Amino acid sequence: MKTQTKFAALTASAFALSLASAVAHADDGDMDEMAADGQERCYGVALAGENDCAAGPGTSCQGTSTVDYQGNAWTYVEEGTCESIETPYGNGSLEPIERP
């Protein structure tokens, strides 16, 4: 294999790995930005399909909750308001919760 071809293949591989890493950590950056803007994660208050992330095993993220008020799905709310949000199953939580 020519040196130029090897270099091009190596460069393409490095770029692909870099892109994959950036995508894998994209949620972490978004979460930090939202938290800095006076928002916090609130579990158990999102309607089906309206969560911001973390809807449990077998789901990818945003908009994937399958039922209203799913206890392991969260959405961003104004900081300090989560635990005062009432649902038919109780109040919102700053940690994942069990729901019937």
PDB file of N, CA and C in Angstrom:
ATOM      1  N   MET A   1       0.854  -1.171   0.000  1.00  0.00           N
ATOM      2  CA  MET A   1       0.000   0.000   0.000  1.00  0.00           C
ATOM      3  C   MET A   1       0.903   1.237   0.000  1.00  0.00           C
ATOM      4  N   LYS A   2       0.552   2.215  -0.811  1.00  0.00           N
ATOM      5  CA  LYS A   2       1.338   3.430  -0.895  1.00  0.00           C
ATOM      6  C   LYS A   2       1.216   4.231   0.406  1.00  0.00           C
ATOM      7  N   THR A   3       2.234   5.011   0.662  1.00  0.00           N
ATOM      8  CA  THR A   3       2.264   5.823   1.875  1.00  0.00           C
ATOM      9  C   THR A   3       1.073   6.778   1.931  1.00  0.00           C
ATOM     10  N   GLN A   4       0.720   7.392   0.813  1.00  0.00           N
ATOM     11  CA  GLN A   4      -0.416   8.320   0.789  1.00  0.00           C
ATOM     12  C   GLN A   4      -1.725   7.601   1.115  1.00  0.00           C
ATOM     13  N   THR A   5      -1.895   6.400   0.610  1.00  0.00           N
ATOM     14  CA  THR A   5      -3.105   5.624   0.860  1.00  0.00           C
ATOM     15  C   THR A   5      -3.183   5.237   2.333  1.00  0.00           C
ATOM     16  N   LYS A   6      -2.048   4.820   2.890  1.00  0.00           N
ATOM     17  CA  LYS A   6      -2.019   4.463   4.312  1.00  0.00           C
ATOM     18  C   LYS A   6      -2.375   5.675   5.171  1.00  0.00           C
ATOM     19  N   PHE A   7      -1.781   6.823   4.832  1.00  0.00           N
ATOM     20  CA  PHE A   7      -2.042   8.040   5.593  1.00  0.00           C
ATOM     21  C   PHE A   7      -3.516   8.427   5.495  1.00  0.00           C
ATOM     22  N   ALA A   8      -4.092   8.337   4.319  1.00  0.00           N
ATOM     23  CA  ALA A   8      -5.500   8.680   4.140  1.00  0.00           C
ATOM     24  C   ALA A   8      -6.397   7.742   4.945  1.00  0.00           C
ATOM     25  N   ALA A   9      -6.081   6.446   4.943  1.00  0.00           N
ATOM     26  CA  ALA A   9      -6.868   5.474   5.708  1.00  0.00           C
ATOM     27  C   ALA A   9      -6.744   5.743   7.203  1.00  0.00           C
ATOM     28  N   LEU A  10      -5.555   6.049   7.665  1.00  0.00           N
ATOM     29  CA  LEU A  10      -5.331   6.345   9.078  1.00  0.00           C
ATOM     30  C   LEU A  10      -6.074   7.611   9.492  1.00  0.00           C
ATOM     31  N   THR A  11      -6.009   8.633   8.662  1.00  0.00           N
ATOM     32  CA  THR A  11      -6.699   9.892   8.943  1.00  0.00           C
ATOM     33  C   THR A  11      -8.208   9.683   9.005  1.00  0.00           C
ATOM     34  N   ALA A  12      -8.746   8.928   8.055  1.00  0.00           N
ATOM     35  CA  ALA A  12     -10.178   8.654   8.039  1.00  0.00           C
ATOM     36  C   ALA A  12     -10.608   7.877   9.281  1.00  0.00           C
ATOM     37  N   SER A  13      -9.799   6.913   9.700  1.00  0.00           N
ATOM     38  CA  SER A  13     -10.107   6.135  10.904  1.00  0.00           C
ATOM     39  C   SER A  13     -10.091   7.017  12.141  1.00  0.00           C
ATOM     40  N   ALA A  14      -9.095   7.879  12.250  1.00  0.00           N
ATOM     41  CA  ALA A  14      -8.996   8.775  13.403  1.00  0.00           C
ATOM     42  C   ALA A  14     -10.188   9.725  13.444  1.00  0.00           C
ATOM     43  N   PHE A  15     -10.583  10.230  12.291  1.00  0.00           N
ATOM     44  CA  PHE A  15     -11.746  11.122  12.228  1.00  0.00           C
ATOM     45  C   PHE A  15     -13.010  10.390  12.646  1.00  0.00           C
ATOM     46  N   ALA A  16     -13.189   9.181  12.174  1.00  0.00           N
ATOM     47  CA  ALA A  16     -14.380   8.398  12.517  1.00  0.00           C
ATOM     48  C   ALA A  16     -14.447   8.130  14.017  1.00  0.00           C
ATOM     49  N   LEU A  17     -13.321   7.777  14.622  1.00  0.00           N
ATOM     50  CA  LEU A  17     -13.291   7.548  16.067  1.00  0.00           C
ATOM     51  C   LEU A  17     -13.586   8.820  16.843  1.00  0.00           C
ATOM     52  N   SER A  18     -13.039   9.925  16.380  1.00  0.00           N
ATOM     53  CA  SER A  18     -13.276  11.208  17.028  1.00  0.00           C
ATOM     54  C   SER A  18     -14.752  11.591  16.949  1.00  0.00           C
ATOM     55  N   LEU A  19     -15.365  11.389  15.796  1.00  0.00           N
ATOM     56  CA  LEU A  19     -16.777  11.695  15.610  1.00  0.00           C
ATOM     57  C   LEU A  19     -17.648  10.801  16.492  1.00  0.00           C
ATOM     58  N   ALA A  20     -17.327   9.521  16.543  1.00  0.00           N
ATOM     59  CA  ALA A  20     -18.093   8.593  17.374  1.00  0.00           C
ATOM     60  C   ALA A  20     -18.006   8.988  18.844  1.00  0.00           C
ATOM     61  N   SER A  21     -16.847   9.392  19.284  1.00  0.00           N
ATOM     62  CA  SER A  21     -16.672   9.812  20.673  1.00  0.00           C
ATOM     63  C   SER A  21     -17.472  11.080  20.964  1.00  0.00           C
ATOM     64  N   ALA A  22     -17.464  12.019  20.038  1.00  0.00           N
ATOM     65  CA  ALA A  22     -18.212  13.259  20.226  1.00  0.00           C
ATOM     66  C   ALA A  22     -19.706  12.990  20.321  1.00  0.00           C
ATOM     67  N   VAL A  23     -20.214  12.113  19.485  1.00  0.00           N
ATOM     68  CA  VAL A  23     -21.633  11.770  19.509  1.00  0.00           C
ATOM     69  C   VAL A  23     -21.994  11.068  20.812  1.00  0.00           C
ATOM     70  N   ALA A  24     -21.144  10.174  21.264  1.00  0.00           N
ATOM     71  CA  ALA A  24     -21.408   9.423  22.499  1.00  0.00           C
ATOM     72  C   ALA A  24     -21.476  10.332  23.713  1.00  0.00           C
ATOM     73  N   HIS A  25     -20.744  11.426  23.682  1.00  0.00           N
ATOM     74  CA  HIS A  25     -20.716  12.326  24.833  1.00  0.00           C
ATOM     75  C   HIS A  25     -21.536  13.588  24.619  1.00  0.00           C
ATOM     76  N   ALA A  26     -22.285  13.671  23.544  1.00  0.00           N
ATOM     77  CA  ALA A  26     -23.073  14.874  23.258  1.00  0.00           C
ATOM     78  C   ALA A  26     -24.093  15.145  24.347  1.00  0.00           C
ATOM     79  N   ASP A  27     -24.771  14.126  24.863  1.00  0.00           N
ATOM     80  CA  ASP A  27     -25.766  14.324  25.899  1.00  0.00           C
ATOM     81  C   ASP A  27     -25.163  14.924  27.149  1.00  0.00           C
ATOM     82  N   ASP A  28     -23.947  14.512  27.514  1.00  0.00           N
ATOM     83  CA  ASP A  28     -23.315  15.037  28.710  1.00  0.00           C
ATOM     84  C   ASP A  28     -23.149  16.547  28.627  1.00  0.00           C
ATOM     85  N   GLY A  29     -22.719  17.059  27.488  1.00  0.00           N
ATOM     86  CA  GLY A  29     -22.555  18.495  27.315  1.00  0.00           C
ATOM     87  C   GLY A  29     -23.874  19.226  27.373  1.00  0.00           C
ATOM     88  N   ASP A  30     -24.898  18.675  26.735  1.00  0.00           N
ATOM     89  CA  ASP A  30     -26.215  19.290  26.763  1.00  0.00           C
ATOM     90  C   ASP A  30     -26.741  19.345  28.186  1.00  0.00           C
ATOM     91  N   MET A  31     -26.537  18.273  28.956  1.00  0.00           N
ATOM     92  CA  MET A  31     -27.015  18.222  30.327  1.00  0.00           C
ATOM     93  C   MET A  31     -26.332  19.297  31.155  1.00  0.00           C
ATOM     94  N   ASP A  32     -25.026  19.470  30.973  1.00  0.00           N
ATOM     95  CA  ASP A  32     -24.300  20.469  31.735  1.00  0.00           C
ATOM     96  C   ASP A  32     -24.781  21.868  31.374  1.00  0.00           C
ATOM     97  N   GLU A  33     -25.043  22.120  30.101  1.00  0.00           N
ATOM     98  CA  GLU A  33     -25.536  23.419  29.670  1.00  0.00           C
ATOM     99  C   GLU A  33     -26.884  23.722  30.295  1.00  0.00           C
ATOM    100  N   MET A  34     -27.812  22.775  30.258  1.00  0.00           N
ATOM    101  CA  MET A  34     -29.135  22.982  30.817  1.00  0.00           C
ATOM    102  C   MET A  34     -29.041  23.224  32.318  1.00  0.00           C
ATOM    103  N   ALA A  35     -28.232  22.444  33.015  1.00  0.00           N
ATOM    104  CA  ALA A  35     -28.094  22.612  34.457  1.00  0.00           C
ATOM    105  C   ALA A  35     -27.556  24.004  34.769  1.00  0.00           C
ATOM    106  N   ALA A  36     -26.667  24.499  33.932  1.00  0.00           N
ATOM    107  CA  ALA A  36     -26.107  25.829  34.151  1.00  0.00           C
ATOM    108  C   ALA A  36     -27.147  26.922  33.906  1.00  0.00           C
ATOM    109  N   ASP A  37     -28.174  26.617  33.143  1.00  0.00           N
ATOM    110  CA  ASP A  37     -29.208  27.594  32.833  1.00  0.00           C
ATOM    111  C   ASP A  37     -30.358  27.561  33.833  1.00  0.00           C
ATOM    112  N   GLY A  38     -30.127  27.035  35.038  1.00  0.00           N
ATOM    113  CA  GLY A  38     -31.164  27.023  36.057  1.00  0.00           C
ATOM    114  C   GLY A  38     -32.198  25.929  35.875  1.00  0.00           C
ATOM    115  N   GLN A  39     -31.833  24.857  35.202  1.00  0.00           N
ATOM    116  CA  GLN A  39     -32.726  23.724  34.985  1.00  0.00           C
ATOM    117  C   GLN A  39     -32.216  22.521  35.768  1.00  0.00           C
ATOM    118  N   GLU A  40     -33.113  21.605  36.107  1.00  0.00           N
ATOM    119  CA  GLU A  40     -32.714  20.363  36.742  1.00  0.00           C
ATOM    120  C   GLU A  40     -33.527  19.220  36.166  1.00  0.00           C
ATOM    121  N   ARG A  41     -32.992  18.010  36.274  1.00  0.00           N
ATOM    122  CA  ARG A  41     -33.695  16.822  35.809  1.00  0.00           C
ATOM    123  C   ARG A  41     -34.796  16.491  36.806  1.00  0.00           C
ATOM    124  N   CYS A  42     -35.973  16.206  36.286  1.00  0.00           N
ATOM    125  CA  CYS A  42     -37.095  15.842  37.144  1.00  0.00           C
ATOM    126  C   CYS A  42     -37.697  14.543  36.614  1.00  0.00           C
ATOM    127  N   TYR A  43     -37.670  13.510  37.445  1.00  0.00           N
ATOM    128  CA  TYR A  43     -38.160  12.187  37.066  1.00  0.00           C
ATOM    129  C   TYR A  43     -39.640  12.049  37.387  1.00  0.00           C
ATOM    130  N   GLY A  44     -40.348  11.322  36.508  1.00  0.00           N
ATOM    131  CA  GLY A  44     -41.729  10.962  36.771  1.00  0.00           C
ATOM    132  C   GLY A  44     -42.765  12.011  36.447  1.00  0.00           C
ATOM    133  N   VAL A  45     -42.394  13.049  35.702  1.00  0.00           N
ATOM    134  CA  VAL A  45     -43.368  14.101  35.389  1.00  0.00           C
ATOM    135  C   VAL A  45     -43.653  14.254  33.896  1.00  0.00           C
ATOM    136  N   ALA A  46     -42.855  13.616  33.056  1.00  0.00           N
ATOM    137  CA  ALA A  46     -43.014  13.769  31.608  1.00  0.00           C
ATOM    138  C   ALA A  46     -44.170  12.924  31.082  1.00  0.00           C
ATOM    139  N   LEU A  47     -44.854  13.439  30.086  1.00  0.00           N
ATOM    140  CA  LEU A  47     -45.881  12.657  29.402  1.00  0.00           C
ATOM    141  C   LEU A  47     -45.202  11.718  28.414  1.00  0.00           C
ATOM    142  N   ALA A  48     -45.898  10.672  28.004  1.00  0.00           N
ATOM    143  CA  ALA A  48     -45.341   9.690  27.074  1.00  0.00           C
ATOM    144  C   ALA A  48     -44.786  10.394  25.838  1.00  0.00           C
ATOM    145  N   GLY A  49     -43.559  10.068  25.494  1.00  0.00           N
ATOM    146  CA  GLY A  49     -42.919  10.624  24.312  1.00  0.00           C
ATOM    147  C   GLY A  49     -42.399  12.033  24.472  1.00  0.00           C
ATOM    148  N   GLU A  50     -42.491  12.619  25.668  1.00  0.00           N
ATOM    149  CA  GLU A  50     -42.054  13.997  25.865  1.00  0.00           C
ATOM    150  C   GLU A  50     -40.914  14.136  26.857  1.00  0.00           C
ATOM    151  N   ASN A  51     -40.244  13.024  27.188  1.00  0.00           N
ATOM    152  CA  ASN A  51     -39.113  13.104  28.107  1.00  0.00           C
ATOM    153  C   ASN A  51     -37.893  13.684  27.404  1.00  0.00           C
ATOM    154  N   ASP A  52     -36.988  14.228  28.193  1.00  0.00           N
ATOM    155  CA  ASP A  52     -35.748  14.752  27.624  1.00  0.00           C
ATOM    156  C   ASP A  52     -34.719  13.653  27.445  1.00  0.00           C
ATOM    157  N   CYS A  53     -34.712  12.652  28.318  1.00  0.00           N
ATOM    158  CA  CYS A  53     -33.757  11.557  28.182  1.00  0.00           C
ATOM    159  C   CYS A  53     -34.011  10.490  29.240  1.00  0.00           C
ATOM    160  N   ALA A  54     -33.173   9.447  29.245  1.00  0.00           N
ATOM    161  CA  ALA A  54     -33.163   8.384  30.254  1.00  0.00           C
ATOM    162  C   ALA A  54     -34.519   7.728  30.472  1.00  0.00           C
ATOM    163  N   ALA A  55     -35.005   7.053  29.476  1.00  0.00           N
ATOM    164  CA  ALA A  55     -36.304   6.386  29.605  1.00  0.00           C
ATOM    165  C   ALA A  55     -36.167   4.895  29.847  1.00  0.00           C
ATOM    166  N   GLY A  56     -35.038   4.450  30.310  1.00  0.00           N
ATOM    167  CA  GLY A  56     -34.884   3.056  30.707  1.00  0.00           C
ATOM    168  C   GLY A  56     -34.313   2.154  29.638  1.00  0.00           C
ATOM    169  N   PRO A  57     -34.140   0.874  29.997  1.00  0.00           N
ATOM    170  CA  PRO A  57     -33.552  -0.101  29.084  1.00  0.00           C
ATOM    171  C   PRO A  57     -34.345  -0.226  27.788  1.00  0.00           C
ATOM    172  N   GLY A  58     -33.631  -0.343  26.690  1.00  0.00           N
ATOM    173  CA  GLY A  58     -34.269  -0.514  25.397  1.00  0.00           C
ATOM    174  C   GLY A  58     -34.715   0.783  24.740  1.00  0.00           C
ATOM    175  N   THR A  59     -34.428   1.908  25.369  1.00  0.00           N
ATOM    176  CA  THR A  59     -34.792   3.188  24.774  1.00  0.00           C
ATOM    177  C   THR A  59     -33.531   3.985  24.505  1.00  0.00           C
ATOM    178  N   SER A  60     -33.605   4.911  23.588  1.00  0.00           N
ATOM    179  CA  SER A  60     -32.410   5.650  23.217  1.00  0.00           C
ATOM    180  C   SER A  60     -32.273   6.949  23.979  1.00  0.00           C
ATOM    181  N   CYS A  61     -33.330   7.698  24.089  1.00  0.00           N
ATOM    182  CA  CYS A  61     -33.213   8.950  24.833  1.00  0.00           C
ATOM    183  C   CYS A  61     -34.452   9.812  24.639  1.00  0.00           C
ATOM    184  N   GLN A  62     -34.263  11.010  24.171  1.00  0.00           N
ATOM    185  CA  GLN A  62     -35.325  12.000  24.092  1.00  0.00           C
ATOM    186  C   GLN A  62     -36.560  11.487  23.361  1.00  0.00           C
ATOM    187  N   GLY A  63     -37.724  11.712  23.974  1.00  0.00           N
ATOM    188  CA  GLY A  63     -38.988  11.368  23.350  1.00  0.00           C
ATOM    189  C   GLY A  63     -39.313   9.891  23.328  1.00  0.00           C
ATOM    190  N   THR A  64     -38.637   9.086  24.145  1.00  0.00           N
ATOM    191  CA  THR A  64     -38.822   7.642  24.068  1.00  0.00           C
ATOM    192  C   THR A  64     -39.589   7.037  25.230  1.00  0.00           C
ATOM    193  N   SER A  65     -40.051   7.849  26.180  1.00  0.00           N
ATOM    194  CA  SER A  65     -40.822   7.268  27.278  1.00  0.00           C
ATOM    195  C   SER A  65     -42.120   6.696  26.706  1.00  0.00           C
ATOM    196  N   THR A  66     -42.566   5.605  27.282  1.00  0.00           N
ATOM    197  CA  THR A  66     -43.707   4.890  26.705  1.00  0.00           C
ATOM    198  C   THR A  66     -45.026   5.124  27.422  1.00  0.00           C
ATOM    199  N   VAL A  67     -44.969   5.676  28.622  1.00  0.00           N
ATOM    200  CA  VAL A  67     -46.194   5.964  29.377  1.00  0.00           C
ATOM    201  C   VAL A  67     -46.063   7.323  30.049  1.00  0.00           C
ATOM    202  N   ASP A  68     -47.196   7.920  30.373  1.00  0.00           N
ATOM    203  CA  ASP A  68     -47.181   9.172  31.118  1.00  0.00           C
ATOM    204  C   ASP A  68     -46.577   8.940  32.496  1.00  0.00           C
ATOM    205  N   TYR A  69     -45.784   9.879  32.953  1.00  0.00           N
ATOM    206  CA  TYR A  69     -45.203   9.890  34.297  1.00  0.00           C
ATOM    207  C   TYR A  69     -44.284   8.700  34.570  1.00  0.00           C
ATOM    208  N   GLN A  70     -43.624   8.192  33.539  1.00  0.00           N
ATOM    209  CA  GLN A  70     -42.701   7.062  33.693  1.00  0.00           C
ATOM    210  C   GLN A  70     -41.623   7.449  34.704  1.00  0.00           C
ATOM    211  N   GLY A  71     -41.443   6.622  35.716  1.00  0.00           N
ATOM    212  CA  GLY A  71     -40.567   6.964  36.835  1.00  0.00           C
ATOM    213  C   GLY A  71     -39.089   7.033  36.531  1.00  0.00           C
ATOM    214  N   ASN A  72     -38.642   6.391  35.468  1.00  0.00           N
ATOM    215  CA  ASN A  72     -37.218   6.444  35.139  1.00  0.00           C
ATOM    216  C   ASN A  72     -36.940   7.361  33.953  1.00  0.00           C
ATOM    217  N   ALA A  73     -37.925   8.123  33.538  1.00  0.00           N
ATOM    218  CA  ALA A  73     -37.756   9.101  32.462  1.00  0.00           C
ATOM    219  C   ALA A  73     -37.753  10.493  33.091  1.00  0.00           C
ATOM    220  N   TRP A  74     -36.858  11.343  32.609  1.00  0.00           N
ATOM    221  CA  TRP A  74     -36.806  12.690  33.176  1.00  0.00           C
ATOM    222  C   TRP A  74     -36.977  13.742  32.103  1.00  0.00           C
ATOM    223  N   THR A  75     -37.316  14.931  32.572  1.00  0.00           N
ATOM    224  CA  THR A  75     -37.397  16.099  31.719  1.00  0.00           C
ATOM    225  C   THR A  75     -36.814  17.268  32.496  1.00  0.00           C
ATOM    226  N   TYR A  76     -36.348  18.274  31.800  1.00  0.00           N
ATOM    227  CA  TYR A  76     -35.810  19.447  32.485  1.00  0.00           C
ATOM    228  C   TYR A  76     -36.940  20.331  32.977  1.00  0.00           C
ATOM    229  N   VAL A  77     -36.809  20.819  34.193  1.00  0.00           N
ATOM    230  CA  VAL A  77     -37.744  21.781  34.775  1.00  0.00           C
ATOM    231  C   VAL A  77     -36.928  22.878  35.442  1.00  0.00           C
ATOM    232  N   GLU A  78     -37.586  23.968  35.796  1.00  0.00           N
ATOM    233  CA  GLU A  78     -36.903  25.051  36.497  1.00  0.00           C
ATOM    234  C   GLU A  78     -36.333  24.524  37.805  1.00  0.00           C
ATOM    235  N   GLU A  79     -35.115  24.899  38.094  1.00  0.00           N
ATOM    236  CA  GLU A  79     -34.448  24.446  39.312  1.00  0.00           C
ATOM    237  C   GLU A  79     -35.287  24.795  40.541  1.00  0.00           C
ATOM    238  N   GLY A  80     -35.439  23.821  41.415  1.00  0.00           N
ATOM    239  CA  GLY A  80     -36.176  24.029  42.650  1.00  0.00           C
ATOM    240  C   GLY A  80     -37.666  23.744  42.563  1.00  0.00           C
ATOM    241  N   THR A  81     -38.167  23.346  41.375  1.00  0.00           N
ATOM    242  CA  THR A  81     -39.612  23.123  41.230  1.00  0.00           C
ATOM    243  C   THR A  81     -39.996  21.654  41.106  1.00  0.00           C
ATOM    244  N   CYS A  82     -39.053  20.784  40.859  1.00  0.00           N
ATOM    245  CA  CYS A  82     -39.357  19.392  40.540  1.00  0.00           C
ATOM    246  C   CYS A  82     -40.249  18.716  41.581  1.00  0.00           C
ATOM    247  N   GLU A  83     -39.834  18.754  42.818  1.00  0.00           N
ATOM    248  CA  GLU A  83     -40.544  18.007  43.853  1.00  0.00           C
ATOM    249  C   GLU A  83     -41.908  18.594  44.197  1.00  0.00           C
ATOM    250  N   SER A  84     -42.225  19.769  43.643  1.00  0.00           N
ATOM    251  CA  SER A  84     -43.548  20.345  43.872  1.00  0.00           C
ATOM    252  C   SER A  84     -44.513  20.065  42.715  1.00  0.00           C
ATOM    253  N   ILE A  85     -44.020  19.425  41.648  1.00  0.00           N
ATOM    254  CA  ILE A  85     -44.874  19.097  40.511  1.00  0.00           C
ATOM    255  C   ILE A  85     -45.699  17.865  40.857  1.00  0.00           C
ATOM    256  N   GLU A  86     -47.021  18.013  40.845  1.00  0.00           N
ATOM    257  CA  GLU A  86     -47.915  16.912  41.201  1.00  0.00           C
ATOM    258  C   GLU A  86     -48.329  16.125  39.962  1.00  0.00           C
ATOM    259  N   THR A  87     -48.389  14.804  40.116  1.00  0.00           N
ATOM    260  CA  THR A  87     -48.872  13.908  39.071  1.00  0.00           C
ATOM    261  C   THR A  87     -49.922  12.998  39.708  1.00  0.00           C
ATOM    262  N   PRO A  88     -50.628  12.204  38.922  1.00  0.00           N
ATOM    263  CA  PRO A  88     -51.587  11.267  39.517  1.00  0.00           C
ATOM    264  C   PRO A  88     -50.928  10.236  40.433  1.00  0.00           C
ATOM    265  N   TYR A  89     -49.599  10.089  40.357  1.00  0.00           N
ATOM    266  CA  TYR A  89     -48.889   9.082  41.144  1.00  0.00           C
ATOM    267  C   TYR A  89     -48.072   9.674  42.276  1.00  0.00           C
ATOM    268  N   GLY A  90     -48.114  10.939  42.474  1.00  0.00           N
ATOM    269  CA  GLY A  90     -47.291  11.608  43.477  1.00  0.00           C
ATOM    270  C   GLY A  90     -46.524  12.744  42.832  1.00  0.00           C
ATOM    271  N   ASN A  91     -45.532  13.246  43.536  1.00  0.00           N
ATOM    272  CA  ASN A  91     -44.763  14.376  43.035  1.00  0.00           C
ATOM    273  C   ASN A  91     -43.560  13.927  42.224  1.00  0.00           C
ATOM    274  N   GLY A  92     -42.994  14.873  41.482  1.00  0.00           N
ATOM    275  CA  GLY A  92     -41.771  14.620  40.739  1.00  0.00           C
ATOM    276  C   GLY A  92     -40.623  14.347  41.696  1.00  0.00           C
ATOM    277  N   SER A  93     -39.527  13.795  41.171  1.00  0.00           N
ATOM    278  CA  SER A  93     -38.387  13.420  41.995  1.00  0.00           C
ATOM    279  C   SER A  93     -37.089  13.774  41.291  1.00  0.00           C
ATOM    280  N   LEU A  94     -36.069  14.081  42.086  1.00  0.00           N
ATOM    281  CA  LEU A  94     -34.746  14.364  41.537  1.00  0.00           C
ATOM    282  C   LEU A  94     -33.974  13.087  41.241  1.00  0.00           C
ATOM    283  N   GLU A  95     -34.518  11.950  41.633  1.00  0.00           N
ATOM    284  CA  GLU A  95     -33.929  10.628  41.388  1.00  0.00           C
ATOM    285  C   GLU A  95     -34.979   9.743  40.698  1.00  0.00           C
ATOM    286  N   PRO A  96     -34.554   8.729  39.934  1.00  0.00           N
ATOM    287  CA  PRO A  96     -35.529   7.804  39.333  1.00  0.00           C
ATOM    288  C   PRO A  96     -36.422   7.205  40.419  1.00  0.00           C
ATOM    289  N   ILE A  97     -37.690   6.998  40.084  1.00  0.00           N
ATOM    290  CA  ILE A  97     -38.651   6.468  41.050  1.00  0.00           C
ATOM    291  C   ILE A  97     -39.434   5.308  40.464  1.00  0.00           C
ATOM    292  N   GLU A  98     -40.001   4.492  41.327  1.00  0.00           N
ATOM    293  CA  GLU A  98     -40.856   3.368  40.914  1.00  0.00           C
ATOM    294  C   GLU A  98     -42.265   3.912  40.705  1.00  0.00           C
ATOM    295  N   ARG A  99     -42.865   3.545  39.599  1.00  0.00           N
ATOM    296  CA  ARG A  99     -44.258   3.922  39.339  1.00  0.00           C
ATOM    297  C   ARG A  99     -45.039   2.647  39.058  1.00  0.00           C
ATOM    298  N   PRO A 100     -46.314   2.630  39.426  1.00  0.00           N
ATOM    299  CA  PRO A 100     -47.145   1.439  39.145  1.00  0.00           C
ATOM    300  C   PRO A 100     -47.332   1.205  37.658  1.00  0.00           C
TER     301      PRO A 100
END
